[in-house]
PDB file of N, CA and C in Angstrom:
ATOM      1  N   UNK A   1       6.036 -27.942  16.492  1.00  0.00           N
ATOM      2  CA  UNK A   1       5.123 -26.896  16.053  1.00  0.00           C
ATOM      3  C   UNK A   1       5.436 -26.567  14.591  1.00  0.00           C
ATOM      4  N   UNK A   2       4.422 -26.542  13.694  1.00  0.00           N
ATOM      5  CA  UNK A   2       4.669 -26.261  12.283  1.00  0.00           C
ATOM      6  C   UNK A   2       5.112 -24.819  12.076  1.00  0.00           C
ATOM      7  N   UNK A   3       5.986 -24.635  11.106  1.00  0.00           N
ATOM      8  CA  UNK A   3       6.458 -23.291  10.754  1.00  0.00           C
ATOM      9  C   UNK A   3       5.368 -22.563   9.982  1.00  0.00           C
ATOM     10  N   UNK A   4       5.217 -21.267  10.214  1.00  0.00           N
ATOM     11  CA  UNK A   4       4.248 -20.516   9.418  1.00  0.00           C
ATOM     12  C   UNK A   4       4.739 -20.405   7.979  1.00  0.00           C
ATOM     13  N   UNK A   5       3.800 -20.348   7.046  1.00  0.00           N
ATOM     14  CA  UNK A   5       4.161 -20.244   5.635  1.00  0.00           C
ATOM     15  C   UNK A   5       4.830 -18.909   5.379  1.00  0.00           C
ATOM     16  N   UNK A   6       5.802 -18.923   4.486  1.00  0.00           N
ATOM     17  CA  UNK A   6       6.464 -17.688   4.084  1.00  0.00           C
ATOM     18  C   UNK A   6       5.447 -16.778   3.402  1.00  0.00           C
ATOM     19  N   UNK A   7       5.726 -15.509   3.429  1.00  0.00           N
ATOM     20  CA  UNK A   7       4.834 -14.541   2.782  1.00  0.00           C
ATOM     21  C   UNK A   7       5.480 -14.032   1.509  1.00  0.00           C
ATOM     22  N   UNK A   8       4.634 -13.613   0.558  1.00  0.00           N
ATOM     23  CA  UNK A   8       5.155 -13.073  -0.688  1.00  0.00           C
ATOM     24  C   UNK A   8       5.600 -11.625  -0.473  1.00  0.00           C
ATOM     25  N   UNK A   9       6.016 -10.964  -1.530  1.00  0.00           N
ATOM     26  CA  UNK A   9       6.548  -9.610  -1.424  1.00  0.00           C
ATOM     27  C   UNK A   9       5.506  -8.599  -0.965  1.00  0.00           C
ATOM     28  N   UNK A  10       4.222  -8.926  -1.094  1.00  0.00           N
ATOM     29  CA  UNK A  10       3.158  -8.029  -0.653  1.00  0.00           C
ATOM     30  C   UNK A  10       2.605  -8.427   0.715  1.00  0.00           C
ATOM     31  N   UNK A  11       3.274  -9.352   1.403  1.00  0.00           N
ATOM     32  CA  UNK A  11       2.870  -9.741   2.740  1.00  0.00           C
ATOM     33  C   UNK A  11       1.772 -10.775   2.816  1.00  0.00           C
ATOM     34  N   UNK A  12       1.383 -11.344   1.669  1.00  0.00           N
ATOM     35  CA  UNK A  12       0.322 -12.371   1.660  1.00  0.00           C
ATOM     36  C   UNK A  12       0.952 -13.755   1.755  1.00  0.00           C
ATOM     37  N   UNK A  13       0.205 -14.662   2.318  1.00  0.00           N
ATOM     38  CA  UNK A  13       0.650 -16.058   2.322  1.00  0.00           C
ATOM     39  C   UNK A  13       0.493 -16.614   0.916  1.00  0.00           C
ATOM     40  N   UNK A  14       1.462 -17.388   0.459  1.00  0.00           N
ATOM     41  CA  UNK A  14       1.310 -18.007  -0.870  1.00  0.00           C
ATOM     42  C   UNK A  14       0.109 -18.947  -0.871  1.00  0.00           C
ATOM     43  N   UNK A  15      -0.549 -19.008  -2.017  1.00  0.00           N
ATOM     44  CA  UNK A  15      -1.761 -19.815  -2.130  1.00  0.00           C
ATOM     45  C   UNK A  15      -1.624 -20.801  -3.281  1.00  0.00           C
ATOM     46  N   UNK A  16      -2.351 -21.920  -3.200  1.00  0.00           N
ATOM     47  CA  UNK A  16      -2.299 -22.890  -4.306  1.00  0.00           C
ATOM     48  C   UNK A  16      -2.965 -22.342  -5.557  1.00  0.00           C
ATOM     49  N   UNK A  17      -2.596 -22.905  -6.673  1.00  0.00           N
ATOM     50  CA  UNK A  17      -3.108 -22.447  -7.963  1.00  0.00           C
ATOM     51  C   UNK A  17      -4.622 -22.592  -8.051  1.00  0.00           C
ATOM     52  N   UNK A  18      -5.192 -23.560  -7.352  1.00  0.00           N
ATOM     53  CA  UNK A  18      -6.649 -23.745  -7.380  1.00  0.00           C
ATOM     54  C   UNK A  18      -7.379 -22.570  -6.727  1.00  0.00           C
ATOM     55  N   UNK A  19      -6.718 -21.825  -5.887  1.00  0.00           N
ATOM     56  CA  UNK A  19      -7.300 -20.634  -5.271  1.00  0.00           C
ATOM     57  C   UNK A  19      -7.114 -19.410  -6.150  1.00  0.00           C
ATOM     58  N   UNK A  20      -5.950 -19.323  -6.776  1.00  0.00           N
ATOM     59  CA  UNK A  20      -5.607 -18.147  -7.580  1.00  0.00           C
ATOM     60  C   UNK A  20      -6.374 -18.101  -8.898  1.00  0.00           C
ATOM     61  N   UNK A  21      -6.490 -19.234  -9.582  1.00  0.00           N
ATOM     62  CA  UNK A  21      -7.116 -19.233 -10.908  1.00  0.00           C
ATOM     63  C   UNK A  21      -8.542 -18.689 -10.925  1.00  0.00           C
ATOM     64  N   UNK A  22      -9.444 -19.149 -10.054  1.00  0.00           N
ATOM     65  CA  UNK A  22     -10.800 -18.605 -10.128  1.00  0.00           C
ATOM     66  C   UNK A  22     -10.852 -17.105  -9.812  1.00  0.00           C
ATOM     67  N   UNK A  23      -9.997 -16.645  -8.911  1.00  0.00           N
ATOM     68  CA  UNK A  23      -9.965 -15.215  -8.593  1.00  0.00           C
ATOM     69  C   UNK A  23      -9.538 -14.403  -9.815  1.00  0.00           C
ATOM     70  N   UNK A  24      -8.469 -14.850 -10.473  1.00  0.00           N
ATOM     71  CA  UNK A  24      -7.992 -14.144 -11.660  1.00  0.00           C
ATOM     72  C   UNK A  24      -9.030 -14.191 -12.782  1.00  0.00           C
ATOM     73  N   UNK A  25      -9.626 -15.358 -12.966  1.00  0.00           N
ATOM     74  CA  UNK A  25     -10.631 -15.522 -14.027  1.00  0.00           C
ATOM     75  C   UNK A  25     -11.814 -14.602 -13.788  1.00  0.00           C
ATOM     76  N   UNK A  26     -12.350 -14.617 -12.580  1.00  0.00           N
ATOM     77  CA  UNK A  26     -13.499 -13.760 -12.265  1.00  0.00           C
ATOM     78  C   UNK A  26     -13.118 -12.279 -12.355  1.00  0.00           C
ATOM     79  N   UNK A  27     -11.889 -11.959 -11.956  1.00  0.00           N
ATOM     80  CA  UNK A  27     -11.420 -10.586 -12.041  1.00  0.00           C
ATOM     81  C   UNK A  27     -11.400 -10.058 -13.470  1.00  0.00           C
ATOM     82  N   UNK A  28     -11.266 -10.963 -14.415  1.00  0.00           N
ATOM     83  CA  UNK A  28     -11.302 -10.601 -15.833  1.00  0.00           C
ATOM     84  C   UNK A  28     -12.714 -10.728 -16.410  1.00  0.00           C
ATOM     85  N   UNK A  29     -13.662 -11.129 -15.568  1.00  0.00           N
ATOM     86  CA  UNK A  29     -15.043 -11.259 -16.024  1.00  0.00           C
ATOM     87  C   UNK A  29     -15.269 -12.452 -16.933  1.00  0.00           C
ATOM     88  N   UNK A  30     -14.475 -13.503 -16.744  1.00  0.00           N
ATOM     89  CA  UNK A  30     -14.569 -14.690 -17.604  1.00  0.00           C
ATOM     90  C   UNK A  30     -15.267 -15.835 -16.885  1.00  0.00           C
ATOM     91  N   UNK A  31     -16.054 -16.581 -17.627  1.00  0.00           N
ATOM     92  CA  UNK A  31     -16.579 -17.854 -17.137  1.00  0.00           C
ATOM     93  C   UNK A  31     -15.515 -18.917 -17.411  1.00  0.00           C
ATOM     94  N   UNK A  32     -15.739 -20.107 -16.894  1.00  0.00           N
ATOM     95  CA  UNK A  32     -14.821 -21.200 -17.221  1.00  0.00           C
ATOM     96  C   UNK A  32     -14.844 -21.489 -18.717  1.00  0.00           C
ATOM     97  N   UNK A  33     -16.010 -21.415 -19.321  1.00  0.00           N
ATOM     98  CA  UNK A  33     -16.107 -21.609 -20.770  1.00  0.00           C
ATOM     99  C   UNK A  33     -15.298 -20.562 -21.521  1.00  0.00           C
ATOM    100  N   UNK A  34     -15.450 -19.298 -21.103  1.00  0.00           N
ATOM    101  CA  UNK A  34     -14.750 -18.205 -21.777  1.00  0.00           C
ATOM    102  C   UNK A  34     -13.238 -18.330 -21.598  1.00  0.00           C
ATOM    103  N   UNK A  35     -12.786 -18.748 -20.423  1.00  0.00           N
ATOM    104  CA  UNK A  35     -11.350 -18.937 -20.213  1.00  0.00           C
ATOM    105  C   UNK A  35     -10.828 -20.040 -21.120  1.00  0.00           C
ATOM    106  N   UNK A  36     -11.553 -21.138 -21.206  1.00  0.00           N
ATOM    107  CA  UNK A  36     -11.140 -22.224 -22.098  1.00  0.00           C
ATOM    108  C   UNK A  36     -11.076 -21.733 -23.546  1.00  0.00           C
ATOM    109  N   UNK A  37     -12.057 -20.931 -23.955  1.00  0.00           N
ATOM    110  CA  UNK A  37     -12.070 -20.396 -25.316  1.00  0.00           C
ATOM    111  C   UNK A  37     -10.888 -19.461 -25.552  1.00  0.00           C
ATOM    112  N   UNK A  38     -10.559 -18.626 -24.566  1.00  0.00           N
ATOM    113  CA  UNK A  38      -9.405 -17.725 -24.683  1.00  0.00           C
ATOM    114  C   UNK A  38      -8.105 -18.524 -24.777  1.00  0.00           C
ATOM    115  N   UNK A  39      -7.983 -19.551 -23.951  1.00  0.00           N
ATOM    116  CA  UNK A  39      -6.783 -20.387 -23.995  1.00  0.00           C
ATOM    117  C   UNK A  39      -6.652 -21.068 -25.356  1.00  0.00           C
ATOM    118  N   UNK A  40      -7.769 -21.546 -25.887  1.00  0.00           N
ATOM    119  CA  UNK A  40      -7.761 -22.165 -27.209  1.00  0.00           C
ATOM    120  C   UNK A  40      -7.324 -21.153 -28.261  1.00  0.00           C
ATOM    121  N   UNK A  41      -7.866 -19.939 -28.184  1.00  0.00           N
ATOM    122  CA  UNK A  41      -7.568 -18.910 -29.184  1.00  0.00           C
ATOM    123  C   UNK A  41      -6.084 -18.524 -29.183  1.00  0.00           C
ATOM    124  N   UNK A  42      -5.500 -18.340 -27.996  1.00  0.00           N
ATOM    125  CA  UNK A  42      -4.098 -17.889 -27.962  1.00  0.00           C
ATOM    126  C   UNK A  42      -3.104 -19.015 -28.203  1.00  0.00           C
ATOM    127  N   UNK A  43      -3.468 -20.233 -27.785  1.00  0.00           N
ATOM    128  CA  UNK A  43      -2.522 -21.349 -27.908  1.00  0.00           C
ATOM    129  C   UNK A  43      -2.696 -22.132 -29.203  1.00  0.00           C
ATOM    130  N   UNK A  44      -3.900 -22.079 -29.773  1.00  0.00           N
ATOM    131  CA  UNK A  44      -4.189 -22.893 -30.937  1.00  0.00           C
ATOM    132  C   UNK A  44      -4.407 -24.363 -30.591  1.00  0.00           C
ATOM    133  N   UNK A  45      -4.448 -24.670 -29.306  1.00  0.00           N
ATOM    134  CA  UNK A  45      -4.593 -26.041 -28.833  1.00  0.00           C
ATOM    135  C   UNK A  45      -6.066 -26.306 -28.526  1.00  0.00           C
ATOM    136  N   UNK A  46      -6.654 -27.230 -29.268  1.00  0.00           N
ATOM    137  CA  UNK A  46      -8.089 -27.520 -29.120  1.00  0.00           C
ATOM    138  C   UNK A  46      -8.406 -28.456 -27.955  1.00  0.00           C
ATOM    139  N   UNK A  47      -7.384 -28.946 -27.269  1.00  0.00           N
ATOM    140  CA  UNK A  47      -7.632 -29.929 -26.211  1.00  0.00           C
ATOM    141  C   UNK A  47      -8.166 -29.303 -24.923  1.00  0.00           C
ATOM    142  N   UNK A  48      -8.112 -27.997 -24.787  1.00  0.00           N
ATOM    143  CA  UNK A  48      -8.562 -27.360 -23.546  1.00  0.00           C
ATOM    144  C   UNK A  48     -10.089 -27.241 -23.527  1.00  0.00           C
ATOM    145  N   UNK A  49     -10.669 -27.595 -22.393  1.00  0.00           N
ATOM    146  CA  UNK A  49     -12.128 -27.555 -22.237  1.00  0.00           C
ATOM    147  C   UNK A  49     -12.487 -26.860 -20.931  1.00  0.00           C
ATOM    148  N   UNK A  50     -13.747 -26.527 -20.797  1.00  0.00           N
ATOM    149  CA  UNK A  50     -14.233 -25.972 -19.543  1.00  0.00           C
ATOM    150  C   UNK A  50     -14.038 -26.970 -18.410  1.00  0.00           C
ATOM    151  N   UNK A  51     -14.189 -28.242 -18.721  1.00  0.00           N
ATOM    152  CA  UNK A  51     -14.022 -29.279 -17.705  1.00  0.00           C
ATOM    153  C   UNK A  51     -12.597 -29.290 -17.154  1.00  0.00           C
ATOM    154  N   UNK A  52     -11.617 -29.070 -18.013  1.00  0.00           N
ATOM    155  CA  UNK A  52     -10.221 -29.029 -17.551  1.00  0.00           C
ATOM    156  C   UNK A  52      -9.996 -27.806 -16.663  1.00  0.00           C
ATOM    157  N   UNK A  53     -10.535 -26.667 -17.061  1.00  0.00           N
ATOM    158  CA  UNK A  53     -10.440 -25.463 -16.229  1.00  0.00           C
ATOM    159  C   UNK A  53     -11.067 -25.743 -14.858  1.00  0.00           C
ATOM    160  N   UNK A  54     -12.209 -26.404 -14.840  1.00  0.00           N
ATOM    161  CA  UNK A  54     -12.868 -26.755 -13.585  1.00  0.00           C
ATOM    162  C   UNK A  54     -11.987 -27.661 -12.733  1.00  0.00           C
ATOM    163  N   UNK A  55     -11.336 -28.627 -13.335  1.00  0.00           N
ATOM    164  CA  UNK A  55     -10.444 -29.528 -12.579  1.00  0.00           C
ATOM    165  C   UNK A  55      -9.305 -28.747 -11.933  1.00  0.00           C
ATOM    166  N   UNK A  56      -8.744 -27.790 -12.671  1.00  0.00           N
ATOM    167  CA  UNK A  56      -7.672 -26.950 -12.105  1.00  0.00           C
ATOM    168  C   UNK A  56      -8.189 -26.155 -10.917  1.00  0.00           C
ATOM    169  N   UNK A  57      -9.367 -25.579 -11.073  1.00  0.00           N
ATOM    170  CA  UNK A  57      -9.919 -24.730 -10.025  1.00  0.00           C
ATOM    171  C   UNK A  57     -10.374 -25.515  -8.798  1.00  0.00           C
ATOM    172  N   UNK A  58     -10.732 -26.754  -8.969  1.00  0.00           N
ATOM    173  CA  UNK A  58     -11.130 -27.597  -7.829  1.00  0.00           C
ATOM    174  C   UNK A  58      -9.936 -28.306  -7.195  1.00  0.00           C
ATOM    175  N   UNK A  59      -8.759 -28.130  -7.776  1.00  0.00           N
ATOM    176  CA  UNK A  59      -7.561 -28.769  -7.238  1.00  0.00           C
ATOM    177  C   UNK A  59      -7.430 -30.231  -7.592  1.00  0.00           C
ATOM    178  N   UNK A  60      -8.235 -30.697  -8.554  1.00  0.00           N
ATOM    179  CA  UNK A  60      -8.162 -32.095  -8.984  1.00  0.00           C
ATOM    180  C   UNK A  60      -6.930 -32.329  -9.862  1.00  0.00           C
ATOM    181  N   UNK A  61      -6.537 -31.284 -10.580  1.00  0.00           N
ATOM    182  CA  UNK A  61      -5.337 -31.334 -11.423  1.00  0.00           C
ATOM    183  C   UNK A  61      -4.600 -30.017 -11.284  1.00  0.00           C
ATOM    184  N   UNK A  62      -3.325 -30.054 -11.575  1.00  0.00           N
ATOM    185  CA  UNK A  62      -2.485 -28.857 -11.582  1.00  0.00           C
ATOM    186  C   UNK A  62      -2.075 -28.622 -13.029  1.00  0.00           C
ATOM    187  N   UNK A  63      -2.350 -27.440 -13.576  1.00  0.00           N
ATOM    188  CA  UNK A  63      -1.945 -27.204 -14.959  1.00  0.00           C
ATOM    189  C   UNK A  63      -0.430 -27.308 -15.099  1.00  0.00           C
ATOM    190  N   UNK A  64      -0.005 -27.965 -16.169  1.00  0.00           N
ATOM    191  CA  UNK A  64       1.420 -28.124 -16.418  1.00  0.00           C
ATOM    192  C   UNK A  64       2.050 -26.830 -16.907  1.00  0.00           C
ATOM    193  N   UNK A  65       3.370 -26.837 -17.094  1.00  0.00           N
ATOM    194  CA  UNK A  65       4.082 -25.627 -17.518  1.00  0.00           C
ATOM    195  C   UNK A  65       3.532 -25.027 -18.814  1.00  0.00           C
ATOM    196  N   UNK A  66       3.137 -25.872 -19.749  1.00  0.00           N
ATOM    197  CA  UNK A  66       2.585 -25.395 -21.018  1.00  0.00           C
ATOM    198  C   UNK A  66       1.358 -24.521 -20.779  1.00  0.00           C
ATOM    199  N   UNK A  67       0.404 -25.043 -20.007  1.00  0.00           N
ATOM    200  CA  UNK A  67      -0.825 -24.303 -19.753  1.00  0.00           C
ATOM    201  C   UNK A  67      -0.598 -23.137 -18.805  1.00  0.00           C
ATOM    202  N   UNK A  68       0.328 -23.259 -17.852  1.00  0.00           N
ATOM    203  CA  UNK A  68       0.613 -22.132 -16.955  1.00  0.00           C
ATOM    204  C   UNK A  68       1.117 -20.930 -17.742  1.00  0.00           C
ATOM    205  N   UNK A  69       1.925 -21.175 -18.771  1.00  0.00           N
ATOM    206  CA  UNK A  69       2.422 -20.062 -19.601  1.00  0.00           C
ATOM    207  C   UNK A  69       1.252 -19.351 -20.285  1.00  0.00           C
ATOM    208  N   UNK A  70       0.331 -20.122 -20.858  1.00  0.00           N
ATOM    209  CA  UNK A  70      -0.824 -19.523 -21.532  1.00  0.00           C
ATOM    210  C   UNK A  70      -1.774 -18.871 -20.531  1.00  0.00           C
ATOM    211  N   UNK A  71      -1.954 -19.493 -19.383  1.00  0.00           N
ATOM    212  CA  UNK A  71      -2.805 -18.900 -18.347  1.00  0.00           C
ATOM    213  C   UNK A  71      -2.269 -17.530 -17.927  1.00  0.00           C
ATOM    214  N   UNK A  72      -0.970 -17.426 -17.770  1.00  0.00           N
ATOM    215  CA  UNK A  72      -0.367 -16.154 -17.403  1.00  0.00           C
ATOM    216  C   UNK A  72      -0.670 -15.067 -18.419  1.00  0.00           C
ATOM    217  N   UNK A  73      -0.587 -15.427 -19.690  1.00  0.00           N
ATOM    218  CA  UNK A  73      -0.883 -14.447 -20.746  1.00  0.00           C
ATOM    219  C   UNK A  73      -2.348 -14.045 -20.745  1.00  0.00           C
ATOM    220  N   UNK A  74      -3.235 -15.012 -20.656  1.00  0.00           N
ATOM    221  CA  UNK A  74      -4.666 -14.730 -20.724  1.00  0.00           C
ATOM    222  C   UNK A  74      -5.157 -14.002 -19.471  1.00  0.00           C
ATOM    223  N   UNK A  75      -4.647 -14.389 -18.311  1.00  0.00           N
ATOM    224  CA  UNK A  75      -5.131 -13.823 -17.058  1.00  0.00           C
ATOM    225  C   UNK A  75      -4.316 -12.623 -16.579  1.00  0.00           C
ATOM    226  N   UNK A  76      -3.267 -12.286 -17.310  1.00  0.00           N
ATOM    227  CA  UNK A  76      -2.481 -11.103 -16.975  1.00  0.00           C
ATOM    228  C   UNK A  76      -1.738 -11.190 -15.665  1.00  0.00           C
ATOM    229  N   UNK A  77      -1.142 -12.339 -15.409  1.00  0.00           N
ATOM    230  CA  UNK A  77      -0.373 -12.514 -14.178  1.00  0.00           C
ATOM    231  C   UNK A  77       1.013 -13.031 -14.523  1.00  0.00           C
ATOM    232  N   UNK A  78       1.902 -12.963 -13.573  1.00  0.00           N
ATOM    233  CA  UNK A  78       3.283 -13.362 -13.835  1.00  0.00           C
ATOM    234  C   UNK A  78       3.435 -14.884 -13.824  1.00  0.00           C
ATOM    235  N   UNK A  79       4.374 -15.316 -14.601  1.00  0.00           N
ATOM    236  CA  UNK A  79       4.708 -16.735 -14.641  1.00  0.00           C
ATOM    237  C   UNK A  79       5.186 -17.181 -13.256  1.00  0.00           C
ATOM    238  N   UNK A  80       5.921 -16.308 -12.587  1.00  0.00           N
ATOM    239  CA  UNK A  80       6.445 -16.626 -11.258  1.00  0.00           C
ATOM    240  C   UNK A  80       5.317 -16.915 -10.272  1.00  0.00           C
ATOM    241  N   UNK A  81       4.258 -16.110 -10.302  1.00  0.00           N
ATOM    242  CA  UNK A  81       3.134 -16.334  -9.394  1.00  0.00           C
ATOM    243  C   UNK A  81       2.490 -17.695  -9.646  1.00  0.00           C
ATOM    244  N   UNK A  82       2.289 -18.034 -10.917  1.00  0.00           N
ATOM    245  CA  UNK A  82       1.659 -19.317 -11.246  1.00  0.00           C
ATOM    246  C   UNK A  82       2.570 -20.492 -10.907  1.00  0.00           C
ATOM    247  N   UNK A  83       3.874 -20.339 -11.130  1.00  0.00           N
ATOM    248  CA  UNK A  83       4.816 -21.416 -10.794  1.00  0.00           C
ATOM    249  C   UNK A  83       4.825 -21.665  -9.288  1.00  0.00           C
ATOM    250  N   UNK A  84       4.859 -20.585  -8.518  1.00  0.00           N
ATOM    251  CA  UNK A  84       4.848 -20.722  -7.061  1.00  0.00           C
ATOM    252  C   UNK A  84       3.541 -21.360  -6.593  1.00  0.00           C
ATOM    253  N   UNK A  85       2.431 -20.926  -7.167  1.00  0.00           N
ATOM    254  CA  UNK A  85       1.125 -21.473  -6.782  1.00  0.00           C
ATOM    255  C   UNK A  85       1.023 -22.955  -7.127  1.00  0.00           C
ATOM    256  N   UNK A  86       1.599 -23.357  -8.263  1.00  0.00           N
ATOM    257  CA  UNK A  86       1.601 -24.773  -8.645  1.00  0.00           C
ATOM    258  C   UNK A  86       2.466 -25.581  -7.676  1.00  0.00           C
ATOM    259  N   UNK A  87       3.608 -25.022  -7.289  1.00  0.00           N
ATOM    260  CA  UNK A  87       4.495 -25.717  -6.339  1.00  0.00           C
ATOM    261  C   UNK A  87       3.793 -25.902  -4.993  1.00  0.00           C
ATOM    262  N   UNK A  88       3.070 -24.893  -4.556  1.00  0.00           N
ATOM    263  CA  UNK A  88       2.330 -24.993  -3.292  1.00  0.00           C
ATOM    264  C   UNK A  88       1.253 -26.073  -3.406  1.00  0.00           C
ATOM    265  N   UNK A  89       0.560 -26.105  -4.531  1.00  0.00           N
ATOM    266  CA  UNK A  89      -0.466 -27.132  -4.733  1.00  0.00           C
ATOM    267  C   UNK A  89       0.145 -28.528  -4.706  1.00  0.00           C
ATOM    268  N   UNK A  90       1.304 -28.683  -5.340  1.00  0.00           N
ATOM    269  CA  UNK A  90       1.966 -30.003  -5.329  1.00  0.00           C
ATOM    270  C   UNK A  90       2.377 -30.404  -3.922  1.00  0.00           C
ATOM    271  N   UNK A  91       2.930 -29.475  -3.153  1.00  0.00           N
ATOM    272  CA  UNK A  91       3.378 -29.815  -1.804  1.00  0.00           C
ATOM    273  C   UNK A  91       2.208 -30.132  -0.895  1.00  0.00           C
ATOM    274  N   UNK A  92       1.116 -29.420  -1.055  1.00  0.00           N
ATOM    275  CA  UNK A  92      -0.092 -29.679  -0.267  1.00  0.00           C
ATOM    276  C   UNK A  92      -0.687 -31.029  -0.623  1.00  0.00           C
ATOM    277  N   UNK A  93      -0.684 -31.350  -1.878  1.00  0.00           N
ATOM    278  CA  UNK A  93      -1.231 -32.608  -2.357  1.00  0.00           C
ATOM    279  C   UNK A  93      -0.473 -33.801  -1.781  1.00  0.00           C
ATOM    280  N   UNK A  94       0.833 -33.689  -1.634  1.00  0.00           N
ATOM    281  CA  UNK A  94       1.650 -34.802  -1.134  1.00  0.00           C
ATOM    282  C   UNK A  94       1.396 -35.096   0.342  1.00  0.00           C
ATOM    283  N   UNK A  95       0.985 -34.084   1.090  1.00  0.00           N
ATOM    284  CA  UNK A  95       0.775 -34.270   2.525  1.00  0.00           C
ATOM    285  C   UNK A  95      -0.477 -35.081   2.850  1.00  0.00           C
ATOM    286  N   UNK A  96      -1.421 -35.128   1.945  1.00  0.00           N
ATOM    287  CA  UNK A  96      -2.700 -35.793   2.249  1.00  0.00           C
ATOM    288  C   UNK A  96      -2.696 -37.223   1.857  1.00  0.00           C
TER     289      UNK A  96
END
């Protein structure tokens, strides 16, 4: 029988980053385009596009540590939450 997933400090089950990112983005009233523009503005990195944000949100890619740091700043969330969500996404991806 599989073990139930551990819960976070607020009693919620941890979720993959593809679930968390769109919630945080919408909570800030941002479109995928606007999030990409914000990431570009704070990081100075022109390589970020709406398409990349979409890939993260669909679970096609997991943002690396560089982008997770900027995402945390733009979306107002902790680095720890994004790191945990990325780890969950990686573990889920390996099972399929």
